[in-house]
């Protein structure tokens, strides 16, 4: 099904729930700059049988995930974007 200008935009909480069904874990990486300063990088990780797929995703749970972000995250994690009403073949012809 081709992408539609009014494709559903799930909340990030809903998006995480669907990706979890495909083995994608949402976690944080804490990066220390020194003994007092640090920052946190939230990302998805999916284990593909010895191959780890990772994708940074910085959203609040009630944020709406835009189609471009859905495509980027799904492509990186090798999850079908069609789950969210998008079809990657509209713009990408390489292997998934």
PDB file of N, CA and C in Angstrom:
ATOM      1  N   UNK A   1       0.847  -1.167   0.000  1.00  0.00           N
ATOM      2  CA  UNK A   1       0.000   0.000   0.000  1.00  0.00           C
ATOM      3  C   UNK A   1       0.898   1.237   0.000  1.00  0.00           C
ATOM      4  N   UNK A   2       0.727   2.136  -0.940  1.00  0.00           N
ATOM      5  CA  UNK A   2       1.592   3.313  -1.001  1.00  0.00           C
ATOM      6  C   UNK A   2       1.345   4.261   0.163  1.00  0.00           C
ATOM      7  N   UNK A   3       2.372   5.043   0.449  1.00  0.00           N
ATOM      8  CA  UNK A   3       2.231   6.045   1.512  1.00  0.00           C
ATOM      9  C   UNK A   3       1.134   7.025   1.131  1.00  0.00           C
ATOM     10  N   UNK A   4       0.420   7.448   2.075  1.00  0.00           N
ATOM     11  CA  UNK A   4      -0.723   8.333   1.879  1.00  0.00           C
ATOM     12  C   UNK A   4      -0.431   9.633   2.616  1.00  0.00           C
ATOM     13  N   UNK A   5      -0.793  10.778   2.045  1.00  0.00           N
ATOM     14  CA  UNK A   5      -0.488  12.040   2.733  1.00  0.00           C
ATOM     15  C   UNK A   5      -1.103  12.120   4.129  1.00  0.00           C
ATOM     16  N   UNK A   6      -2.134  11.318   4.353  1.00  0.00           N
ATOM     17  CA  UNK A   6      -2.773  11.314   5.660  1.00  0.00           C
ATOM     18  C   UNK A   6      -2.573   9.970   6.354  1.00  0.00           C
ATOM     19  N   UNK A   7      -1.392   9.392   6.171  1.00  0.00           N
ATOM     20  CA  UNK A   7      -1.074   8.120   6.817  1.00  0.00           C
ATOM     21  C   UNK A   7      -1.167   8.306   8.333  1.00  0.00           C
ATOM     22  N   UNK A   8      -1.633   7.289   9.033  1.00  0.00           N
ATOM     23  CA  UNK A   8      -1.729   7.394  10.490  1.00  0.00           C
ATOM     24  C   UNK A   8      -0.371   7.724  11.100  1.00  0.00           C
ATOM     25  N   UNK A   9      -0.393   8.581  12.083  1.00  0.00           N
ATOM     26  CA  UNK A   9       0.822   8.939  12.803  1.00  0.00           C
ATOM     27  C   UNK A   9       0.661   8.462  14.236  1.00  0.00           C
ATOM     28  N   UNK A  10       1.223   7.299  14.549  1.00  0.00           N
ATOM     29  CA  UNK A  10       1.047   6.765  15.902  1.00  0.00           C
ATOM     30  C   UNK A  10       1.794   7.622  16.923  1.00  0.00           C
ATOM     31  N   UNK A  11       1.349   7.518  18.168  1.00  0.00           N
ATOM     32  CA  UNK A  11       2.148   8.136  19.220  1.00  0.00           C
ATOM     33  C   UNK A  11       3.412   7.292  19.364  1.00  0.00           C
ATOM     34  N   UNK A  12       4.430   7.867  19.967  1.00  0.00           N
ATOM     35  CA  UNK A  12       5.659   7.114  20.136  1.00  0.00           C
ATOM     36  C   UNK A  12       5.429   5.897  21.024  1.00  0.00           C
ATOM     37  N   UNK A  13       4.555   6.029  22.000  1.00  0.00           N
ATOM     38  CA  UNK A  13       4.222   4.899  22.866  1.00  0.00           C
ATOM     39  C   UNK A  13       3.622   3.751  22.045  1.00  0.00           C
ATOM     40  N   UNK A  14       2.693   4.062  21.141  1.00  0.00           N
ATOM     41  CA  UNK A  14       2.094   3.047  20.269  1.00  0.00           C
ATOM     42  C   UNK A  14       3.143   2.450  19.333  1.00  0.00           C
ATOM     43  N   UNK A  15       3.994   3.304  18.800  1.00  0.00           N
ATOM     44  CA  UNK A  15       5.062   2.882  17.891  1.00  0.00           C
ATOM     45  C   UNK A  15       6.000   1.894  18.589  1.00  0.00           C
ATOM     46  N   UNK A  16       6.412   2.217  19.813  1.00  0.00           N
ATOM     47  CA  UNK A  16       7.288   1.321  20.584  1.00  0.00           C
ATOM     48  C   UNK A  16       6.628  -0.029  20.822  1.00  0.00           C
ATOM     49  N   UNK A  17       5.338  -0.018  21.113  1.00  0.00           N
ATOM     50  CA  UNK A  17       4.610  -1.259  21.395  1.00  0.00           C
ATOM     51  C   UNK A  17       4.624  -2.190  20.174  1.00  0.00           C
ATOM     52  N   UNK A  18       4.400  -1.633  18.984  1.00  0.00           N
ATOM     53  CA  UNK A  18       4.419  -2.447  17.762  1.00  0.00           C
ATOM     54  C   UNK A  18       5.827  -2.966  17.493  1.00  0.00           C
ATOM     55  N   UNK A  19       6.834  -2.099  17.626  1.00  0.00           N
ATOM     56  CA  UNK A  19       8.208  -2.540  17.375  1.00  0.00           C
ATOM     57  C   UNK A  19       8.650  -3.610  18.371  1.00  0.00           C
ATOM     58  N   UNK A  20       8.142  -3.550  19.597  1.00  0.00           N
ATOM     59  CA  UNK A  20       8.478  -4.563  20.601  1.00  0.00           C
ATOM     60  C   UNK A  20       8.021  -5.951  20.155  1.00  0.00           C
ATOM     61  N   UNK A  21       6.914  -6.003  19.401  1.00  0.00           N
ATOM     62  CA  UNK A  21       6.427  -7.289  18.876  1.00  0.00           C
ATOM     63  C   UNK A  21       7.421  -7.895  17.882  1.00  0.00           C
ATOM     64  N   UNK A  22       8.301  -7.075  17.321  1.00  0.00           N
ATOM     65  CA  UNK A  22       9.329  -7.531  16.383  1.00  0.00           C
ATOM     66  C   UNK A  22      10.693  -7.650  17.061  1.00  0.00           C
ATOM     67  N   UNK A  23      10.706  -7.666  18.377  1.00  0.00           N
ATOM     68  CA  UNK A  23      11.947  -7.865  19.116  1.00  0.00           C
ATOM     69  C   UNK A  23      12.805  -6.625  19.268  1.00  0.00           C
ATOM     70  N   UNK A  24      12.219  -5.460  19.062  1.00  0.00           N
ATOM     71  CA  UNK A  24      12.971  -4.205  19.201  1.00  0.00           C
ATOM     72  C   UNK A  24      12.842  -3.704  20.632  1.00  0.00           C
ATOM     73  N   UNK A  25      13.964  -3.531  21.273  1.00  0.00           N
ATOM     74  CA  UNK A  25      13.992  -3.042  22.650  1.00  0.00           C
ATOM     75  C   UNK A  25      14.365  -1.565  22.652  1.00  0.00           C
ATOM     76  N   UNK A  26      13.611  -0.765  23.396  1.00  0.00           N
ATOM     77  CA  UNK A  26      13.915   0.659  23.523  1.00  0.00           C
ATOM     78  C   UNK A  26      14.684   0.844  24.815  1.00  0.00           C
ATOM     79  N   UNK A  27      15.877   1.387  24.712  1.00  0.00           N
ATOM     80  CA  UNK A  27      16.750   1.512  25.871  1.00  0.00           C
ATOM     81  C   UNK A  27      17.543   2.814  25.793  1.00  0.00           C
ATOM     82  N   UNK A  28      18.353   3.061  26.787  1.00  0.00           N
ATOM     83  CA  UNK A  28      19.164   4.277  26.843  1.00  0.00           C
ATOM     84  C   UNK A  28      20.631   3.934  27.021  1.00  0.00           C
ATOM     85  N   UNK A  29      21.463   4.714  26.393  1.00  0.00           N
ATOM     86  CA  UNK A  29      22.909   4.626  26.565  1.00  0.00           C
ATOM     87  C   UNK A  29      23.334   5.883  27.301  1.00  0.00           C
ATOM     88  N   UNK A  30      23.964   5.703  28.452  1.00  0.00           N
ATOM     89  CA  UNK A  30      24.439   6.850  29.216  1.00  0.00           C
ATOM     90  C   UNK A  30      25.890   7.132  28.828  1.00  0.00           C
ATOM     91  N   UNK A  31      26.130   8.334  28.376  1.00  0.00           N
ATOM     92  CA  UNK A  31      27.471   8.744  27.946  1.00  0.00           C
ATOM     93  C   UNK A  31      28.013   9.767  28.939  1.00  0.00           C
ATOM     94  N   UNK A  32      29.119   9.444  29.561  1.00  0.00           N
ATOM     95  CA  UNK A  32      29.735  10.347  30.534  1.00  0.00           C
ATOM     96  C   UNK A  32      30.774  11.219  29.846  1.00  0.00           C
ATOM     97  N   UNK A  33      30.677  12.515  30.116  1.00  0.00           N
ATOM     98  CA  UNK A  33      31.653  13.462  29.586  1.00  0.00           C
ATOM     99  C   UNK A  33      32.810  13.631  30.562  1.00  0.00           C
ATOM    100  N   UNK A  34      32.492  13.607  31.841  1.00  0.00           N
ATOM    101  CA  UNK A  34      33.497  13.637  32.906  1.00  0.00           C
ATOM    102  C   UNK A  34      32.827  13.077  34.154  1.00  0.00           C
ATOM    103  N   UNK A  35      33.411  13.292  35.318  1.00  0.00           N
ATOM    104  CA  UNK A  35      32.867  12.680  36.535  1.00  0.00           C
ATOM    105  C   UNK A  35      31.490  13.237  36.923  1.00  0.00           C
ATOM    106  N   UNK A  36      31.115  14.414  36.405  1.00  0.00           N
ATOM    107  CA  UNK A  36      29.839  15.004  36.789  1.00  0.00           C
ATOM    108  C   UNK A  36      28.858  15.165  35.622  1.00  0.00           C
ATOM    109  N   UNK A  37      29.368  15.349  34.438  1.00  0.00           N
ATOM    110  CA  UNK A  37      28.495  15.612  33.293  1.00  0.00           C
ATOM    111  C   UNK A  37      28.265  14.344  32.463  1.00  0.00           C
ATOM    112  N   UNK A  38      27.010  14.139  32.074  1.00  0.00           N
ATOM    113  CA  UNK A  38      26.676  13.016  31.204  1.00  0.00           C
ATOM    114  C   UNK A  38      25.429  13.369  30.402  1.00  0.00           C
ATOM    115  N   UNK A  39      25.188  12.604  29.386  1.00  0.00           N
ATOM    116  CA  UNK A  39      23.943  12.739  28.630  1.00  0.00           C
ATOM    117  C   UNK A  39      23.462  11.343  28.272  1.00  0.00           C
ATOM    118  N   UNK A  40      22.190  11.255  27.957  1.00  0.00           N
ATOM    119  CA  UNK A  40      21.556   9.978  27.663  1.00  0.00           C
ATOM    120  C   UNK A  40      21.115   9.958  26.205  1.00  0.00           C
ATOM    121  N   UNK A  41      21.398   8.854  25.535  1.00  0.00           N
ATOM    122  CA  UNK A  41      20.995   8.677  24.139  1.00  0.00           C
ATOM    123  C   UNK A  41      19.986   7.520  24.087  1.00  0.00           C
ATOM    124  N   UNK A  42      18.713   7.832  23.806  1.00  0.00           N
ATOM    125  CA  UNK A  42      17.709   6.772  23.684  1.00  0.00           C
ATOM    126  C   UNK A  42      17.750   6.145  22.288  1.00  0.00           C
ATOM    127  N   UNK A  43      17.617   4.823  22.247  1.00  0.00           N
ATOM    128  CA  UNK A  43      17.685   4.141  20.946  1.00  0.00           C
ATOM    129  C   UNK A  43      16.950   2.813  20.990  1.00  0.00           C
ATOM    130  N   UNK A  44      16.619   2.313  19.800  1.00  0.00           N
ATOM    131  CA  UNK A  44      16.077   0.965  19.640  1.00  0.00           C
ATOM    132  C   UNK A  44      17.223   0.020  19.321  1.00  0.00           C
ATOM    133  N   UNK A  45      17.092  -1.215  19.788  1.00  0.00           N
ATOM    134  CA  UNK A  45      18.052  -2.255  19.438  1.00  0.00           C
ATOM    135  C   UNK A  45      17.276  -3.522  19.102  1.00  0.00           C
ATOM    136  N   UNK A  46      17.699  -4.165  18.023  1.00  0.00           N
ATOM    137  CA  UNK A  46      17.071  -5.417  17.601  1.00  0.00           C
ATOM    138  C   UNK A  46      18.159  -6.425  17.310  1.00  0.00           C
ATOM    139  N   UNK A  47      18.057  -7.593  17.926  1.00  0.00           N
ATOM    140  CA  UNK A  47      19.025  -8.669  17.713  1.00  0.00           C
ATOM    141  C   UNK A  47      18.523  -9.532  16.566  1.00  0.00           C
ATOM    142  N   UNK A  48      19.326  -9.606  15.510  1.00  0.00           N
ATOM    143  CA  UNK A  48      18.957 -10.385  14.330  1.00  0.00           C
ATOM    144  C   UNK A  48      19.853 -11.617  14.212  1.00  0.00           C
ATOM    145  N   UNK A  49      19.929 -12.392  15.290  1.00  0.00           N
ATOM    146  CA  UNK A  49      20.713 -13.615  15.268  1.00  0.00           C
ATOM    147  C   UNK A  49      22.207 -13.352  15.149  1.00  0.00           C
ATOM    148  N   UNK A  50      22.745 -12.611  16.088  1.00  0.00           N
ATOM    149  CA  UNK A  50      24.163 -12.303  16.070  1.00  0.00           C
ATOM    150  C   UNK A  50      24.493 -10.961  15.446  1.00  0.00           C
ATOM    151  N   UNK A  51      23.536 -10.363  14.797  1.00  0.00           N
ATOM    152  CA  UNK A  51      23.718  -9.039  14.190  1.00  0.00           C
ATOM    153  C   UNK A  51      22.805  -8.074  14.931  1.00  0.00           C
ATOM    154  N   UNK A  52      23.392  -7.027  15.514  1.00  0.00           N
ATOM    155  CA  UNK A  52      22.615  -6.040  16.267  1.00  0.00           C
ATOM    156  C   UNK A  52      22.293  -4.849  15.374  1.00  0.00           C
ATOM    157  N   UNK A  53      21.021  -4.500  15.316  1.00  0.00           N
ATOM    158  CA  UNK A  53      20.573  -3.316  14.592  1.00  0.00           C
ATOM    159  C   UNK A  53      20.227  -2.262  15.621  1.00  0.00           C
ATOM    160  N   UNK A  54      20.728  -1.046  15.429  1.00  0.00           N
ATOM    161  CA  UNK A  54      20.476   0.033  16.385  1.00  0.00           C
ATOM    162  C   UNK A  54      20.029   1.287  15.654  1.00  0.00           C
ATOM    163  N   UNK A  55      19.122   2.028  16.296  1.00  0.00           N
ATOM    164  CA  UNK A  55      18.620   3.258  15.705  1.00  0.00           C
ATOM    165  C   UNK A  55      18.262   4.244  16.818  1.00  0.00           C
ATOM    166  N   UNK A  56      18.896   5.409  16.791  1.00  0.00           N
ATOM    167  CA  UNK A  56      18.589   6.456  17.765  1.00  0.00           C
ATOM    168  C   UNK A  56      17.183   6.986  17.488  1.00  0.00           C
ATOM    169  N   UNK A  57      16.413   7.173  18.562  1.00  0.00           N
ATOM    170  CA  UNK A  57      15.044   7.680  18.439  1.00  0.00           C
ATOM    171  C   UNK A  57      14.729   8.535  19.662  1.00  0.00           C
ATOM    172  N   UNK A  58      14.703   9.839  19.469  1.00  0.00           N
ATOM    173  CA  UNK A  58      14.494  10.764  20.581  1.00  0.00           C
ATOM    174  C   UNK A  58      13.095  11.358  20.484  1.00  0.00           C
ATOM    175  N   UNK A  59      12.180  10.786  21.254  1.00  0.00           N
ATOM    176  CA  UNK A  59      10.783  11.216  21.275  1.00  0.00           C
ATOM    177  C   UNK A  59      10.250  11.101  22.696  1.00  0.00           C
ATOM    178  N   UNK A  60       9.192  11.839  22.972  1.00  0.00           N
ATOM    179  CA  UNK A  60       8.412  11.652  24.198  1.00  0.00           C
ATOM    180  C   UNK A  60       7.297  10.666  23.858  1.00  0.00           C
ATOM    181  N   UNK A  61       6.771   9.960  24.862  1.00  0.00           N
ATOM    182  CA  UNK A  61       5.755   8.935  24.610  1.00  0.00           C
ATOM    183  C   UNK A  61       4.514   9.452  23.906  1.00  0.00           C
ATOM    184  N   UNK A  62       4.122  10.702  24.136  1.00  0.00           N
ATOM    185  CA  UNK A  62       2.912  11.211  23.505  1.00  0.00           C
ATOM    186  C   UNK A  62       3.178  11.968  22.201  1.00  0.00           C
ATOM    187  N   UNK A  63       4.434  12.039  21.754  1.00  0.00           N
ATOM    188  CA  UNK A  63       4.760  12.649  20.457  1.00  0.00           C
ATOM    189  C   UNK A  63       4.170  11.804  19.333  1.00  0.00           C
ATOM    190  N   UNK A  64       3.744  12.458  18.257  1.00  0.00           N
ATOM    191  CA  UNK A  64       3.313  11.757  17.050  1.00  0.00           C
ATOM    192  C   UNK A  64       4.544  11.483  16.197  1.00  0.00           C
ATOM    193  N   UNK A  65       4.690  10.256  15.727  1.00  0.00           N
ATOM    194  CA  UNK A  65       5.837   9.880  14.912  1.00  0.00           C
ATOM    195  C   UNK A  65       5.491  10.154  13.450  1.00  0.00           C
ATOM    196  N   UNK A  66       6.252  11.018  12.829  1.00  0.00           N
ATOM    197  CA  UNK A  66       6.016  11.436  11.450  1.00  0.00           C
ATOM    198  C   UNK A  66       6.397  10.312  10.475  1.00  0.00           C
ATOM    199  N   UNK A  67       5.775  10.272   9.296  1.00  0.00           N
ATOM    200  CA  UNK A  67       6.087   9.225   8.317  1.00  0.00           C
ATOM    201  C   UNK A  67       7.576   9.115   7.980  1.00  0.00           C
ATOM    202  N   UNK A  68       8.281  10.223   7.865  1.00  0.00           N
ATOM    203  CA  UNK A  68       9.718  10.159   7.545  1.00  0.00           C
ATOM    204  C   UNK A  68      10.494   9.456   8.655  1.00  0.00           C
ATOM    205  N   UNK A  69      10.106   9.684   9.917  1.00  0.00           N
ATOM    206  CA  UNK A  69      10.769   9.013  11.034  1.00  0.00           C
ATOM    207  C   UNK A  69      10.406   7.534  11.074  1.00  0.00           C
ATOM    208  N   UNK A  70       9.140   7.224  10.778  1.00  0.00           N
ATOM    209  CA  UNK A  70       8.728   5.818  10.728  1.00  0.00           C
ATOM    210  C   UNK A  70       9.550   5.075   9.681  1.00  0.00           C
ATOM    211  N   UNK A  71       9.670   5.663   8.492  1.00  0.00           N
ATOM    212  CA  UNK A  71      10.450   5.024   7.421  1.00  0.00           C
ATOM    213  C   UNK A  71      11.903   4.812   7.843  1.00  0.00           C
ATOM    214  N   UNK A  72      12.516   5.841   8.425  1.00  0.00           N
ATOM    215  CA  UNK A  72      13.931   5.762   8.822  1.00  0.00           C
ATOM    216  C   UNK A  72      14.145   4.667   9.863  1.00  0.00           C
ATOM    217  N   UNK A  73      13.313   4.662  10.880  1.00  0.00           N
ATOM    218  CA  UNK A  73      13.476   3.687  11.957  1.00  0.00           C
ATOM    219  C   UNK A  73      13.180   2.275  11.463  1.00  0.00           C
ATOM    220  N   UNK A  74      12.098   2.106  10.716  1.00  0.00           N
ATOM    221  CA  UNK A  74      11.744   0.777  10.204  1.00  0.00           C
ATOM    222  C   UNK A  74      12.816   0.242   9.257  1.00  0.00           C
ATOM    223  N   UNK A  75      13.333   1.090   8.400  1.00  0.00           N
ATOM    224  CA  UNK A  75      14.380   0.651   7.471  1.00  0.00           C
ATOM    225  C   UNK A  75      15.622   0.204   8.233  1.00  0.00           C
ATOM    226  N   UNK A  76      16.025   0.975   9.224  1.00  0.00           N
ATOM    227  CA  UNK A  76      17.221   0.649  10.000  1.00  0.00           C
ATOM    228  C   UNK A  76      17.049  -0.643  10.786  1.00  0.00           C
ATOM    229  N   UNK A  77      15.857  -0.858  11.345  1.00  0.00           N
ATOM    230  CA  UNK A  77      15.600  -2.033  12.173  1.00  0.00           C
ATOM    231  C   UNK A  77      15.055  -3.216  11.382  1.00  0.00           C
ATOM    232  N   UNK A  78      14.888  -3.035  10.076  1.00  0.00           N
ATOM    233  CA  UNK A  78      14.371  -4.085   9.194  1.00  0.00           C
ATOM    234  C   UNK A  78      13.001  -4.588   9.647  1.00  0.00           C
ATOM    235  N   UNK A  79      12.126  -3.634   9.921  1.00  0.00           N
ATOM    236  CA  UNK A  79      10.736  -3.903  10.298  1.00  0.00           C
ATOM    237  C   UNK A  79       9.866  -3.341   9.178  1.00  0.00           C
ATOM    238  N   UNK A  80       8.836  -4.050   8.745  1.00  0.00           N
ATOM    239  CA  UNK A  80       7.999  -3.550   7.645  1.00  0.00           C
ATOM    240  C   UNK A  80       7.259  -2.259   8.018  1.00  0.00           C
ATOM    241  N   UNK A  81       7.510  -1.209   7.268  1.00  0.00           N
ATOM    242  CA  UNK A  81       6.825   0.068   7.494  1.00  0.00           C
ATOM    243  C   UNK A  81       5.345  -0.033   7.139  1.00  0.00           C
ATOM    244  N   UNK A  82       4.983  -1.072   6.415  1.00  0.00           N
ATOM    245  CA  UNK A  82       3.572  -1.268   6.063  1.00  0.00           C
ATOM    246  C   UNK A  82       2.711  -1.455   7.318  1.00  0.00           C
ATOM    247  N   UNK A  83       3.317  -1.831   8.430  1.00  0.00           N
ATOM    248  CA  UNK A  83       2.586  -1.937   9.691  1.00  0.00           C
ATOM    249  C   UNK A  83       1.976  -0.595  10.091  1.00  0.00           C
ATOM    250  N   UNK A  84       2.562   0.476   9.574  1.00  0.00           N
ATOM    251  CA  UNK A  84       2.135   1.828   9.917  1.00  0.00           C
ATOM    252  C   UNK A  84       1.514   2.543   8.713  1.00  0.00           C
ATOM    253  N   UNK A  85       1.088   1.785   7.704  1.00  0.00           N
ATOM    254  CA  UNK A  85       0.430   2.355   6.538  1.00  0.00           C
ATOM    255  C   UNK A  85       1.386   2.939   5.516  1.00  0.00           C
ATOM    256  N   UNK A  86       2.669   2.593   5.597  1.00  0.00           N
ATOM    257  CA  UNK A  86       3.668   3.106   4.661  1.00  0.00           C
ATOM    258  C   UNK A  86       4.289   1.954   3.889  1.00  0.00           C
ATOM    259  N   UNK A  87       4.723   2.237   2.685  1.00  0.00           N
ATOM    260  CA  UNK A  87       5.351   1.241   1.835  1.00  0.00           C
ATOM    261  C   UNK A  87       6.721   1.758   1.424  1.00  0.00           C
ATOM    262  N   UNK A  88       7.780   1.109   1.895  1.00  0.00           N
ATOM    263  CA  UNK A  88       9.137   1.566   1.603  1.00  0.00           C
ATOM    264  C   UNK A  88       9.490   1.496   0.126  1.00  0.00           C
ATOM    265  N   UNK A  89       8.803   0.677  -0.642  1.00  0.00           N
ATOM    266  CA  UNK A  89       9.160   0.548  -2.060  1.00  0.00           C
ATOM    267  C   UNK A  89       8.849   1.813  -2.840  1.00  0.00           C
ATOM    268  N   UNK A  90       8.080   2.724  -2.256  1.00  0.00           N
ATOM    269  CA  UNK A  90       7.796   3.989  -2.923  1.00  0.00           C
ATOM    270  C   UNK A  90       9.055   4.830  -3.127  1.00  0.00           C
ATOM    271  N   UNK A  91      10.045   4.638  -2.271  1.00  0.00           N
ATOM    272  CA  UNK A  91      11.232   5.508  -2.359  1.00  0.00           C
ATOM    273  C   UNK A  91      12.551   4.763  -2.225  1.00  0.00           C
ATOM    274  N   UNK A  92      12.510   3.472  -1.942  1.00  0.00           N
ATOM    275  CA  UNK A  92      13.750   2.723  -1.736  1.00  0.00           C
ATOM    276  C   UNK A  92      13.657   1.387  -2.451  1.00  0.00           C
ATOM    277  N   UNK A  93      14.617   1.086  -3.297  1.00  0.00           N
ATOM    278  CA  UNK A  93      14.556  -0.147  -4.060  1.00  0.00           C
ATOM    279  C   UNK A  93      15.613  -1.166  -3.642  1.00  0.00           C
ATOM    280  N   UNK A  94      16.424  -0.852  -2.632  1.00  0.00           N
ATOM    281  CA  UNK A  94      17.479  -1.757  -2.179  1.00  0.00           C
ATOM    282  C   UNK A  94      16.934  -2.833  -1.254  1.00  0.00           C
ATOM    283  N   UNK A  95      17.811  -3.703  -0.795  1.00  0.00           N
ATOM    284  CA  UNK A  95      17.383  -4.776   0.091  1.00  0.00           C
ATOM    285  C   UNK A  95      17.001  -4.235   1.478  1.00  0.00           C
ATOM    286  N   UNK A  96      16.065  -4.883   2.102  1.00  0.00           N
ATOM    287  CA  UNK A  96      15.678  -4.513   3.468  1.00  0.00           C
ATOM    288  C   UNK A  96      16.228  -5.485   4.391  1.00  0.00           C
TER     289      UNK A  96
END
